[in-house]
Amino acid sequence: MNILSIITTAVLSIMTVYCLYLVHREKKKITCMSGMMIAMVVAMMAGLLSGYLIGLYSGDMFLSSGASMIIGFFIGFLAGQPIGLMAILDGALAGLMSGLMGAMLGVMLQFENPFIMLAILLGLYIIIMGLVILFVLVETNKKFSLDTQAISPFAIASAGVVTVSLFLFMYGSDYVKLPGDDAYAQNSASITQEEIDVSNEQTPKIQMKVTEQGYSPNVITVKKGVPVELIVDNPLENSCLSTFTMPEFNINNVNLKVGTTNLSFTPNKTGEYTFSCGMGMFKGTVIVK
């Protein structure tokens, strides 16, 4: 975990807890409509950012979706609980949906530098949660006031132009790779078959390398009933290829750490079977004789 991830986790925890504290402390002064909006925004931003962070590191859609939806749901529930049932429903549903969206972003968006998106989401989280805190203080304390008309429309429009320009720059500079785009299609088409046959060995051990083009070797011939050991060398960090799955032989979404991971399976039926990355974009074949 790099320094930005640690900062994100700390900021997410501190600002979310502080917002929940303010809502519970000032619950008698917050109207139902205001409470519903606060619960929705707090749960939505916490679910989105936590979902992206979990998805980025786990690479597993099921794990990241489930964990972030649970986080978003309970934060929304806690934010709405002091206000009433409508606020609970609003916050819990917003947390569920945003957690799922965050997990999808974390798992599916493949960046040259994945922490670019994390930095953008963290910046948005700080701005929006800062506005929520300000809203609660203005709503519940007469000492605080805010004249939104004093904010220049030109400044808001300029910030929007800068944000759009940043995303267009990232897209045009190939900082982000989307599943199914031309870059992925070209990579998949250019992958050559690298075969290895260990069907005559008594204790087969296969050295497999993870590269940006896929798995090498990607065609493996083995013998039925003979246990096989896979020694997978993975130099890539935060990559789709770091999740390895071979469901026919009970290898399901194994997280390949940076370095060497040992896997084993016993082919108990003849035929051809597929192994792949977690998203099924990079594949290989096991041939059982």
C-alpha atoms as a PDB file:
ATOM      1  CA  MET A   1       0.000   0.000   0.000  1.00  0.00           C
ATOM      2  CA  ASN A   2       1.523   3.303  -1.073  1.00  0.00           C
ATOM      3  CA  ILE A   3       1.401   6.648   0.750  1.00  0.00           C
ATOM      4  CA  LEU A   4      -1.617   7.948  -1.215  1.00  0.00           C
ATOM      5  CA  SER A   5      -3.685   4.911  -0.224  1.00  0.00           C
ATOM      6  CA  ILE A   6      -2.762   5.423   3.435  1.00  0.00           C
ATOM      7  CA  ILE A   7      -3.701   9.109   3.226  1.00  0.00           C
ATOM      8  CA  THR A   8      -6.984   8.226   1.492  1.00  0.00           C
ATOM      9  CA  THR A   9      -7.886   5.670   4.159  1.00  0.00           C
ATOM     10  CA  ALA A  10      -7.098   8.161   6.932  1.00  0.00           C
ATOM     11  CA  VAL A  11      -9.039  11.037   5.339  1.00  0.00           C
ATOM     12  CA  LEU A  12     -11.988   8.742   4.551  1.00  0.00           C
ATOM     13  CA  SER A  13     -12.147   7.489   8.137  1.00  0.00           C
ATOM     14  CA  ILE A  14     -11.700  10.882   9.834  1.00  0.00           C
ATOM     15  CA  MET A  15     -14.105  12.924   7.693  1.00  0.00           C
ATOM     16  CA  THR A  16     -16.811  10.228   7.623  1.00  0.00           C
ATOM     17  CA  VAL A  17     -16.674   9.711  11.394  1.00  0.00           C
ATOM     18  CA  TYR A  18     -16.722  13.477  11.990  1.00  0.00           C
ATOM     19  CA  CYS A  19     -19.795  13.890   9.778  1.00  0.00           C
ATOM     20  CA  LEU A  20     -21.571  11.096  11.642  1.00  0.00           C
ATOM     21  CA  TYR A  21     -20.601  12.717  14.938  1.00  0.00           C
ATOM     22  CA  LEU A  22     -22.025  16.087  13.834  1.00  0.00           C
ATOM     23  CA  VAL A  23     -25.304  14.532  12.704  1.00  0.00           C
ATOM     24  CA  HIS A  24     -25.752  12.646  15.975  1.00  0.00           C
ATOM     25  CA  ARG A  25     -24.784  15.690  18.047  1.00  0.00           C
ATOM     26  CA  GLU A  26     -27.087  18.096  16.212  1.00  0.00           C
ATOM     27  CA  LYS A  27     -29.931  15.672  15.460  1.00  0.00           C
ATOM     28  CA  LYS A  28     -32.579  17.823  17.166  1.00  0.00           C
ATOM     29  CA  LYS A  29     -31.732  20.825  14.984  1.00  0.00           C
ATOM     30  CA  ILE A  30     -31.631  19.018  11.632  1.00  0.00           C
ATOM     31  CA  THR A  31     -34.876  18.827   9.663  1.00  0.00           C
ATOM     32  CA  CYS A  32     -36.018  15.610   8.018  1.00  0.00           C
ATOM     33  CA  MET A  33     -35.317  16.882   4.490  1.00  0.00           C
ATOM     34  CA  SER A  34     -31.837  18.097   5.431  1.00  0.00           C
ATOM     35  CA  GLY A  35     -31.119  14.845   7.257  1.00  0.00           C
ATOM     36  CA  MET A  36     -32.100  12.793   4.207  1.00  0.00           C
ATOM     37  CA  MET A  37     -29.749  14.792   2.012  1.00  0.00           C
ATOM     38  CA  ILE A  38     -26.880  14.541   4.501  1.00  0.00           C
ATOM     39  CA  ALA A  39     -27.301  10.775   4.925  1.00  0.00           C
ATOM     40  CA  MET A  40     -27.416  10.252   1.155  1.00  0.00           C
ATOM     41  CA  VAL A  41     -24.292  12.318   0.407  1.00  0.00           C
ATOM     42  CA  VAL A  42     -22.201  10.911   3.266  1.00  0.00           C
ATOM     43  CA  ALA A  43     -23.057   7.296   2.365  1.00  0.00           C
ATOM     44  CA  MET A  44     -22.589   7.905  -1.354  1.00  0.00           C
ATOM     45  CA  MET A  45     -19.127   9.448  -1.062  1.00  0.00           C
ATOM     46  CA  ALA A  46     -17.899   6.964   1.553  1.00  0.00           C
ATOM     47  CA  GLY A  47     -19.185   3.991  -0.467  1.00  0.00           C
ATOM     48  CA  LEU A  48     -17.693   5.272  -3.735  1.00  0.00           C
ATOM     49  CA  LEU A  49     -14.223   5.975  -2.365  1.00  0.00           C
ATOM     50  CA  SER A  50     -13.991   2.843  -0.203  1.00  0.00           C
ATOM     51  CA  GLY A  51     -15.286   0.712  -3.094  1.00  0.00           C
ATOM     52  CA  TYR A  52     -12.676   2.054  -5.476  1.00  0.00           C
ATOM     53  CA  LEU A  53      -9.897   1.545  -2.928  1.00  0.00           C
ATOM     54  CA  ILE A  54     -10.922  -2.054  -2.162  1.00  0.00           C
ATOM     55  CA  GLY A  55     -11.430  -2.874  -5.837  1.00  0.00           C
ATOM     56  CA  LEU A  56      -8.062  -1.400  -6.765  1.00  0.00           C
ATOM     57  CA  TYR A  57      -6.178  -3.647  -4.354  1.00  0.00           C
ATOM     58  CA  SER A  58      -8.275  -6.807  -4.393  1.00  0.00           C
ATOM     59  CA  GLY A  59      -8.945  -7.044  -8.138  1.00  0.00           C
ATOM     60  CA  ASP A  60     -11.910  -9.245  -7.190  1.00  0.00           C
ATOM     61  CA  MET A  61     -15.333  -7.945  -8.202  1.00  0.00           C
ATOM     62  CA  PHE A  62     -17.261 -10.107  -5.724  1.00  0.00           C
ATOM     63  CA  LEU A  63     -15.093  -9.216  -2.714  1.00  0.00           C
ATOM     64  CA  SER A  64     -14.844  -5.507  -3.459  1.00  0.00           C
ATOM     65  CA  SER A  65     -18.546  -5.150  -4.341  1.00  0.00           C
ATOM     66  CA  GLY A  66     -19.696  -6.986  -1.230  1.00  0.00           C
ATOM     67  CA  ALA A  67     -17.346  -5.185   1.159  1.00  0.00           C
ATOM     68  CA  SER A  68     -17.998  -1.690  -0.222  1.00  0.00           C
ATOM     69  CA  MET A  69     -21.777  -2.189  -0.378  1.00  0.00           C
ATOM     70  CA  ILE A  70     -21.755  -3.267   3.279  1.00  0.00           C
ATOM     71  CA  ILE A  71     -19.617  -0.235   4.211  1.00  0.00           C
ATOM     72  CA  GLY A  72     -21.883   2.148   2.277  1.00  0.00           C
ATOM     73  CA  PHE A  73     -25.049   0.595   3.716  1.00  0.00           C
ATOM     74  CA  PHE A  74     -23.978   0.886   7.355  1.00  0.00           C
ATOM     75  CA  ILE A  75     -22.605   4.414   6.963  1.00  0.00           C
ATOM     76  CA  GLY A  76     -25.892   5.461   5.366  1.00  0.00           C
ATOM     77  CA  PHE A  77     -27.824   3.743   8.157  1.00  0.00           C
ATOM     78  CA  LEU A  78     -25.765   5.488  10.849  1.00  0.00           C
ATOM     79  CA  ALA A  79     -26.084   8.871   9.123  1.00  0.00           C
ATOM     80  CA  GLY A  80     -29.854   8.557   8.837  1.00  0.00           C
ATOM     81  CA  GLN A  81     -30.607   6.888  12.182  1.00  0.00           C
ATOM     82  CA  PRO A  82     -30.801  10.083  14.301  1.00  0.00           C
ATOM     83  CA  ILE A  83     -33.125  11.744  11.772  1.00  0.00           C
ATOM     84  CA  GLY A  84     -35.707   9.094  10.983  1.00  0.00           C
ATOM     85  CA  LEU A  85     -36.756   6.172   8.813  1.00  0.00           C
ATOM     86  CA  MET A  86     -36.780   8.129   5.539  1.00  0.00           C
ATOM     87  CA  ALA A  87     -33.214   9.302   6.128  1.00  0.00           C
ATOM     88  CA  ILE A  88     -32.136   5.728   6.930  1.00  0.00           C
ATOM     89  CA  LEU A  89     -33.662   4.442   3.671  1.00  0.00           C
ATOM     90  CA  ASP A  90     -32.144   7.282   1.667  1.00  0.00           C
ATOM     91  CA  GLY A  91     -28.671   6.813   3.151  1.00  0.00           C
ATOM     92  CA  ALA A  92     -28.633   3.011   3.077  1.00  0.00           C
ATOM     93  CA  LEU A  93     -29.718   2.777  -0.574  1.00  0.00           C
ATOM     94  CA  ALA A  94     -27.251   5.480  -1.640  1.00  0.00           C
ATOM     95  CA  GLY A  95     -24.475   3.621   0.171  1.00  0.00           C
ATOM     96  CA  LEU A  96     -25.339   0.319  -1.519  1.00  0.00           C
ATOM     97  CA  MET A  97     -25.362   1.799  -5.019  1.00  0.00           C
ATOM     98  CA  SER A  98     -22.247   3.933  -4.633  1.00  0.00           C
ATOM     99  CA  GLY A  99     -20.301   1.061  -3.074  1.00  0.00           C
ATOM    100  CA  LEU A 100     -21.084  -1.089  -6.096  1.00  0.00           C
ATOM    101  CA  MET A 101     -20.082   1.673  -8.517  1.00  0.00           C
ATOM    102  CA  GLY A 102     -16.827   2.313  -6.663  1.00  0.00           C
ATOM    103  CA  ALA A 103     -15.913  -1.379  -6.733  1.00  0.00           C
ATOM    104  CA  MET A 104     -16.596  -1.547 -10.471  1.00  0.00           C
ATOM    105  CA  LEU A 105     -14.337   1.446 -11.064  1.00  0.00           C
ATOM    106  CA  GLY A 106     -11.561  -0.042  -8.952  1.00  0.00           C
ATOM    107  CA  VAL A 107     -11.629  -3.458 -10.614  1.00  0.00           C
ATOM    108  CA  MET A 108     -12.476  -2.611 -14.205  1.00  0.00           C
ATOM    109  CA  LEU A 109     -10.510   0.575 -14.925  1.00  0.00           C
ATOM    110  CA  GLN A 110      -6.936  -0.415 -15.721  1.00  0.00           C
ATOM    111  CA  PHE A 111      -4.563   2.566 -15.463  1.00  0.00           C
ATOM    112  CA  GLU A 112      -0.942   2.994 -16.388  1.00  0.00           C
ATOM    113  CA  ASN A 113      -0.887   4.645 -12.952  1.00  0.00           C
ATOM    114  CA  PRO A 114      -4.021   3.529 -11.046  1.00  0.00           C
ATOM    115  CA  PHE A 115      -3.510   6.127  -8.331  1.00  0.00           C
ATOM    116  CA  ILE A 116      -4.412   8.977 -10.691  1.00  0.00           C
ATOM    117  CA  MET A 117      -8.083   8.093 -10.352  1.00  0.00           C
ATOM    118  CA  LEU A 118      -7.671   7.582  -6.613  1.00  0.00           C
ATOM    119  CA  ALA A 119      -6.263  11.103  -6.286  1.00  0.00           C
ATOM    120  CA  ILE A 120      -9.190  12.533  -8.278  1.00  0.00           C
ATOM    121  CA  LEU A 121     -11.770  10.677  -6.174  1.00  0.00           C
ATOM    122  CA  LEU A 122     -10.024  11.737  -2.970  1.00  0.00           C
ATOM    123  CA  GLY A 123     -10.120  15.383  -4.081  1.00  0.00           C
ATOM    124  CA  LEU A 124     -13.846  15.144  -4.878  1.00  0.00           C
ATOM    125  CA  TYR A 125     -14.481  13.402  -1.562  1.00  0.00           C
ATOM    126  CA  ILE A 126     -12.726  16.161   0.415  1.00  0.00           C
ATOM    127  CA  ILE A 127     -14.620  18.920  -1.413  1.00  0.00           C
ATOM    128  CA  ILE A 128     -18.063  17.339  -1.111  1.00  0.00           C
ATOM    129  CA  MET A 129     -17.649  16.156   2.476  1.00  0.00           C
ATOM    130  CA  GLY A 130     -16.299  19.575   3.385  1.00  0.00           C
ATOM    131  CA  LEU A 131     -19.505  21.072   1.986  1.00  0.00           C
ATOM    132  CA  VAL A 132     -21.566  18.572   4.006  1.00  0.00           C
ATOM    133  CA  ILE A 133     -19.780  19.583   7.213  1.00  0.00           C
ATOM    134  CA  LEU A 134     -20.296  23.251   6.340  1.00  0.00           C
ATOM    135  CA  PHE A 135     -23.968  22.589   5.623  1.00  0.00           C
ATOM    136  CA  VAL A 136     -24.503  20.931   9.000  1.00  0.00           C
ATOM    137  CA  LEU A 137     -22.762  23.788  10.817  1.00  0.00           C
ATOM    138  CA  VAL A 138     -24.781  26.443   8.959  1.00  0.00           C
ATOM    139  CA  GLU A 139     -28.004  24.510   9.505  1.00  0.00           C
ATOM    140  CA  THR A 140     -27.522  24.028  13.250  1.00  0.00           C
ATOM    141  CA  ASN A 141     -25.455  27.001  14.436  1.00  0.00           C
ATOM    142  CA  LYS A 142     -26.493  30.633  14.018  1.00  0.00           C
ATOM    143  CA  LYS A 143     -22.858  31.728  14.289  1.00  0.00           C
ATOM    144  CA  PHE A 144     -22.185  30.217  10.876  1.00  0.00           C
ATOM    145  CA  SER A 145     -23.630  31.551   7.664  1.00  0.00           C
ATOM    146  CA  LEU A 146     -22.927  31.107   3.973  1.00  0.00           C
ATOM    147  CA  ASP A 147     -24.099  33.249   1.082  1.00  0.00           C
ATOM    148  CA  THR A 148     -23.874  30.957  -1.944  1.00  0.00           C
ATOM    149  CA  GLN A 149     -24.740  33.858  -4.256  1.00  0.00           C
ATOM    150  CA  ALA A 150     -21.365  35.350  -3.416  1.00  0.00           C
ATOM    151  CA  ILE A 151     -19.662  32.429  -5.166  1.00  0.00           C
ATOM    152  CA  SER A 152     -18.816  33.503  -8.700  1.00  0.00           C
ATOM    153  CA  PRO A 153     -20.521  31.451 -11.459  1.00  0.00           C
ATOM    154  CA  PHE A 154     -17.398  32.092 -13.539  1.00  0.00           C
ATOM    155  CA  ALA A 155     -15.246  30.346 -10.905  1.00  0.00           C
ATOM    156  CA  ILE A 156     -17.574  27.328 -10.889  1.00  0.00           C
ATOM    157  CA  ALA A 157     -17.629  27.165 -14.696  1.00  0.00           C
ATOM    158  CA  SER A 158     -13.818  27.458 -14.814  1.00  0.00           C
ATOM    159  CA  ALA A 159     -13.436  24.590 -12.361  1.00  0.00           C
ATOM    160  CA  GLY A 160     -15.752  22.484 -14.528  1.00  0.00           C
ATOM    161  CA  VAL A 161     -13.731  23.248 -17.666  1.00  0.00           C
ATOM    162  CA  VAL A 162     -10.486  22.319 -15.897  1.00  0.00           C
ATOM    163  CA  THR A 163     -11.981  19.036 -14.672  1.00  0.00           C
ATOM    164  CA  VAL A 164     -13.307  18.062 -18.105  1.00  0.00           C
ATOM    165  CA  SER A 165      -9.964  19.002 -19.682  1.00  0.00           C
ATOM    166  CA  LEU A 166      -8.140  16.796 -17.191  1.00  0.00           C
ATOM    167  CA  PHE A 167     -10.264  13.768 -18.062  1.00  0.00           C
ATOM    168  CA  LEU A 168      -9.883  14.417 -21.801  1.00  0.00           C
ATOM    169  CA  PHE A 169      -6.119  14.659 -21.353  1.00  0.00           C
ATOM    170  CA  MET A 170      -6.024  11.371 -19.475  1.00  0.00           C
ATOM    171  CA  TYR A 171      -8.127   9.682 -22.155  1.00  0.00           C
ATOM    172  CA  GLY A 172      -6.080  11.089 -25.021  1.00  0.00           C
ATOM    173  CA  SER A 173      -2.785  10.200 -23.355  1.00  0.00           C
ATOM    174  CA  ASP A 174      -3.754   6.534 -22.805  1.00  0.00           C
ATOM    175  CA  TYR A 175      -3.436   6.803 -19.030  1.00  0.00           C
ATOM    176  CA  VAL A 176      -6.601   4.757 -18.750  1.00  0.00           C
ATOM    177  CA  LYS A 177      -7.366   1.458 -20.465  1.00  0.00           C
ATOM    178  CA  LEU A 178     -10.929   0.250 -20.669  1.00  0.00           C
ATOM    179  CA  PRO A 179     -11.838  -3.431 -21.077  1.00  0.00           C
ATOM    180  CA  GLY A 180     -12.902  -4.022 -24.646  1.00  0.00           C
ATOM    181  CA  ASP A 181     -11.167  -0.976 -26.156  1.00  0.00           C
ATOM    182  CA  ASP A 182      -8.790  -1.121 -29.120  1.00  0.00           C
ATOM    183  CA  ALA A 183      -5.672  -1.382 -26.952  1.00  0.00           C
ATOM    184  CA  TYR A 184      -6.981  -4.465 -25.202  1.00  0.00           C
ATOM    185  CA  ALA A 185      -8.205  -5.956 -28.450  1.00  0.00           C
ATOM    186  CA  GLN A 186      -4.783  -5.464 -30.036  1.00  0.00           C
ATOM    187  CA  ASN A 187      -3.044  -6.988 -27.016  1.00  0.00           C
ATOM    188  CA  SER A 188      -5.342 -10.029 -27.105  1.00  0.00           C
ATOM    189  CA  ALA A 189      -4.862 -10.478 -30.849  1.00  0.00           C
ATOM    190  CA  SER A 190      -1.082 -10.217 -30.607  1.00  0.00           C
ATOM    191  CA  ILE A 191      -0.700 -12.889 -27.900  1.00  0.00           C
ATOM    192  CA  THR A 192       1.203 -15.886 -29.244  1.00  0.00           C
ATOM    193  CA  GLN A 193       0.676 -19.403 -27.996  1.00  0.00           C
ATOM    194  CA  GLU A 194       3.457 -20.694 -25.764  1.00  0.00           C
ATOM    195  CA  GLU A 195       3.036 -24.382 -25.044  1.00  0.00           C
ATOM    196  CA  ILE A 196       4.473 -26.765 -22.474  1.00  0.00           C
ATOM    197  CA  ASP A 197       3.836 -30.497 -22.166  1.00  0.00           C
ATOM    198  CA  VAL A 198       4.392 -32.142 -18.777  1.00  0.00           C
ATOM    199  CA  SER A 199       2.093 -35.122 -19.348  1.00  0.00           C
ATOM    200  CA  ASN A 200       5.020 -37.559 -19.158  1.00  0.00           C
ATOM    201  CA  GLU A 201       6.418 -36.230 -15.879  1.00  0.00           C
ATOM    202  CA  GLN A 202       5.799 -37.940 -12.519  1.00  0.00           C
ATOM    203  CA  THR A 203       5.787 -34.724 -10.449  1.00  0.00           C
ATOM    204  CA  PRO A 204       5.186 -31.925 -12.937  1.00  0.00           C
ATOM    205  CA  LYS A 205       6.169 -28.393 -11.971  1.00  0.00           C
ATOM    206  CA  ILE A 206       5.363 -25.548 -14.341  1.00  0.00           C
ATOM    207  CA  GLN A 207       7.104 -22.177 -14.201  1.00  0.00           C
ATOM    208  CA  MET A 208       4.579 -19.579 -15.378  1.00  0.00           C
ATOM    209  CA  LYS A 209       5.345 -15.908 -16.004  1.00  0.00           C
ATOM    210  CA  VAL A 210       2.819 -13.055 -15.856  1.00  0.00           C
ATOM    211  CA  THR A 211       3.463 -10.399 -18.504  1.00  0.00           C
ATOM    212  CA  GLU A 212       1.498  -7.440 -19.824  1.00  0.00           C
ATOM    213  CA  GLN A 213       0.496  -9.649 -22.784  1.00  0.00           C
ATOM    214  CA  GLY A 214      -0.860 -12.472 -20.629  1.00  0.00           C
ATOM    215  CA  TYR A 215       0.384 -15.717 -19.111  1.00  0.00           C
ATOM    216  CA  SER A 216       3.435 -17.597 -20.363  1.00  0.00           C
ATOM    217  CA  PRO A 217       3.104 -20.475 -21.099  1.00  0.00           C
ATOM    218  CA  ASN A 218      -0.581 -20.213 -21.993  1.00  0.00           C
ATOM    219  CA  VAL A 219      -1.126 -23.750 -23.316  1.00  0.00           C
ATOM    220  CA  ILE A 220      -0.372 -26.505 -20.787  1.00  0.00           C
ATOM    221  CA  THR A 221      -0.651 -30.234 -21.447  1.00  0.00           C
ATOM    222  CA  VAL A 222      -0.964 -32.463 -18.363  1.00  0.00           C
ATOM    223  CA  LYS A 223      -1.945 -36.040 -17.514  1.00  0.00           C
ATOM    224  CA  LYS A 224      -5.212 -36.987 -15.855  1.00  0.00           C
ATOM    225  CA  GLY A 225      -4.901 -37.830 -12.158  1.00  0.00           C
ATOM    226  CA  VAL A 226      -1.349 -36.463 -11.763  1.00  0.00           C
ATOM    227  CA  PRO A 227      -1.073 -33.466  -9.387  1.00  0.00           C
ATOM    228  CA  VAL A 228       0.416 -30.367 -11.037  1.00  0.00           C
ATOM    229  CA  GLU A 229       2.250 -27.538  -9.304  1.00  0.00           C
ATOM    230  CA  LEU A 230       2.118 -24.058 -10.845  1.00  0.00           C
ATOM    231  CA  ILE A 231       4.868 -21.654  -9.825  1.00  0.00           C
ATOM    232  CA  VAL A 232       3.600 -18.261 -10.965  1.00  0.00           C
ATOM    233  CA  ASP A 233       5.998 -15.317 -11.140  1.00  0.00           C
ATOM    234  CA  ASN A 234       4.083 -12.018 -11.149  1.00  0.00           C
ATOM    235  CA  PRO A 235       6.064  -8.756 -11.493  1.00  0.00           C
ATOM    236  CA  LEU A 236       2.933  -6.619 -12.016  1.00  0.00           C
ATOM    237  CA  GLU A 237       1.150  -4.605  -9.348  1.00  0.00           C
ATOM    238  CA  ASN A 238      -2.552  -3.646  -9.422  1.00  0.00           C
ATOM    239  CA  SER A 239      -3.157  -5.447 -12.705  1.00  0.00           C
ATOM    240  CA  CYS A 240      -6.121  -7.473 -13.961  1.00  0.00           C
ATOM    241  CA  LEU A 241      -3.622 -10.288 -14.560  1.00  0.00           C
ATOM    242  CA  SER A 242      -2.872 -10.423 -10.843  1.00  0.00           C
ATOM    243  CA  THR A 243      -6.116 -12.333 -10.311  1.00  0.00           C
ATOM    244  CA  PHE A 244      -5.878 -15.937 -11.538  1.00  0.00           C
ATOM    245  CA  THR A 245      -8.805 -18.311 -11.944  1.00  0.00           C
ATOM    246  CA  MET A 246      -9.246 -21.901 -13.158  1.00  0.00           C
ATOM    247  CA  PRO A 247     -12.755 -22.807 -11.944  1.00  0.00           C
ATOM    248  CA  GLU A 248     -12.809 -26.375 -13.288  1.00  0.00           C
ATOM    249  CA  PHE A 249      -9.997 -27.259 -10.874  1.00  0.00           C
ATOM    250  CA  ASN A 250     -11.158 -25.163  -7.899  1.00  0.00           C
ATOM    251  CA  ILE A 251      -8.754 -22.258  -8.383  1.00  0.00           C
ATOM    252  CA  ASN A 252     -11.066 -19.255  -8.015  1.00  0.00           C
ATOM    253  CA  ASN A 253      -9.884 -15.655  -8.191  1.00  0.00           C
ATOM    254  CA  VAL A 254      -6.540 -16.229  -6.488  1.00  0.00           C
ATOM    255  CA  ASN A 255      -4.697 -12.973  -5.855  1.00  0.00           C
ATOM    256  CA  LEU A 256      -1.188 -13.277  -7.312  1.00  0.00           C
ATOM    257  CA  LYS A 257       1.063 -11.213  -5.090  1.00  0.00           C
ATOM    258  CA  VAL A 258       4.060  -9.411  -6.556  1.00  0.00           C
ATOM    259  CA  GLY A 259       6.685 -12.146  -6.596  1.00  0.00           C
ATOM    260  CA  THR A 260       6.062 -15.881  -6.644  1.00  0.00           C
ATOM    261  CA  THR A 261       2.802 -17.680  -5.881  1.00  0.00           C
ATOM    262  CA  ASN A 262       2.556 -21.490  -5.718  1.00  0.00           C
ATOM    263  CA  LEU A 263      -0.677 -23.086  -6.892  1.00  0.00           C
ATOM    264  CA  SER A 264      -1.565 -26.737  -7.311  1.00  0.00           C
ATOM    265  CA  PHE A 265      -4.370 -28.719  -8.898  1.00  0.00           C
ATOM    266  CA  THR A 266      -5.164 -32.294  -9.865  1.00  0.00           C
ATOM    267  CA  PRO A 267      -6.764 -32.715 -13.306  1.00  0.00           C
ATOM    268  CA  ASN A 268      -9.396 -35.385 -12.698  1.00  0.00           C
ATOM    269  CA  LYS A 269     -11.034 -35.332 -16.129  1.00  0.00           C
ATOM    270  CA  THR A 270      -9.781 -35.256 -19.690  1.00  0.00           C
ATOM    271  CA  GLY A 271     -10.523 -32.409 -22.089  1.00  0.00           C
ATOM    272  CA  GLU A 272      -9.571 -28.780 -22.622  1.00  0.00           C
ATOM    273  CA  TYR A 273     -10.136 -26.228 -19.867  1.00  0.00           C
ATOM    274  CA  THR A 274      -9.597 -22.488 -19.608  1.00  0.00           C
ATOM    275  CA  PHE A 275      -7.660 -20.434 -17.083  1.00  0.00           C
ATOM    276  CA  SER A 276      -7.817 -16.650 -17.119  1.00  0.00           C
ATOM    277  CA  CYS A 277      -7.418 -13.373 -15.299  1.00  0.00           C
ATOM    278  CA  GLY A 278     -10.212 -12.296 -12.982  1.00  0.00           C
ATOM    279  CA  MET A 279     -12.043 -10.424 -15.736  1.00  0.00           C
ATOM    280  CA  GLY A 280     -11.617 -13.135 -18.374  1.00  0.00           C
ATOM    281  CA  MET A 281      -9.696 -10.884 -20.750  1.00  0.00           C
ATOM    282  CA  PHE A 282      -6.424 -12.837 -20.797  1.00  0.00           C
ATOM    283  CA  LYS A 283      -6.807 -16.590 -21.146  1.00  0.00           C
ATOM    284  CA  GLY A 284      -4.920 -19.844 -21.461  1.00  0.00           C
ATOM    285  CA  THR A 285      -5.730 -23.516 -21.965  1.00  0.00           C
ATOM    286  CA  VAL A 286      -5.091 -26.652 -19.944  1.00  0.00           C
ATOM    287  CA  ILE A 287      -5.177 -29.849 -22.051  1.00  0.00           C
ATOM    288  CA  VAL A 288      -5.726 -32.980 -19.972  1.00  0.00           C
ATOM    289  CA  LYS A 289      -4.832 -36.316 -21.606  1.00  0.00           C
END
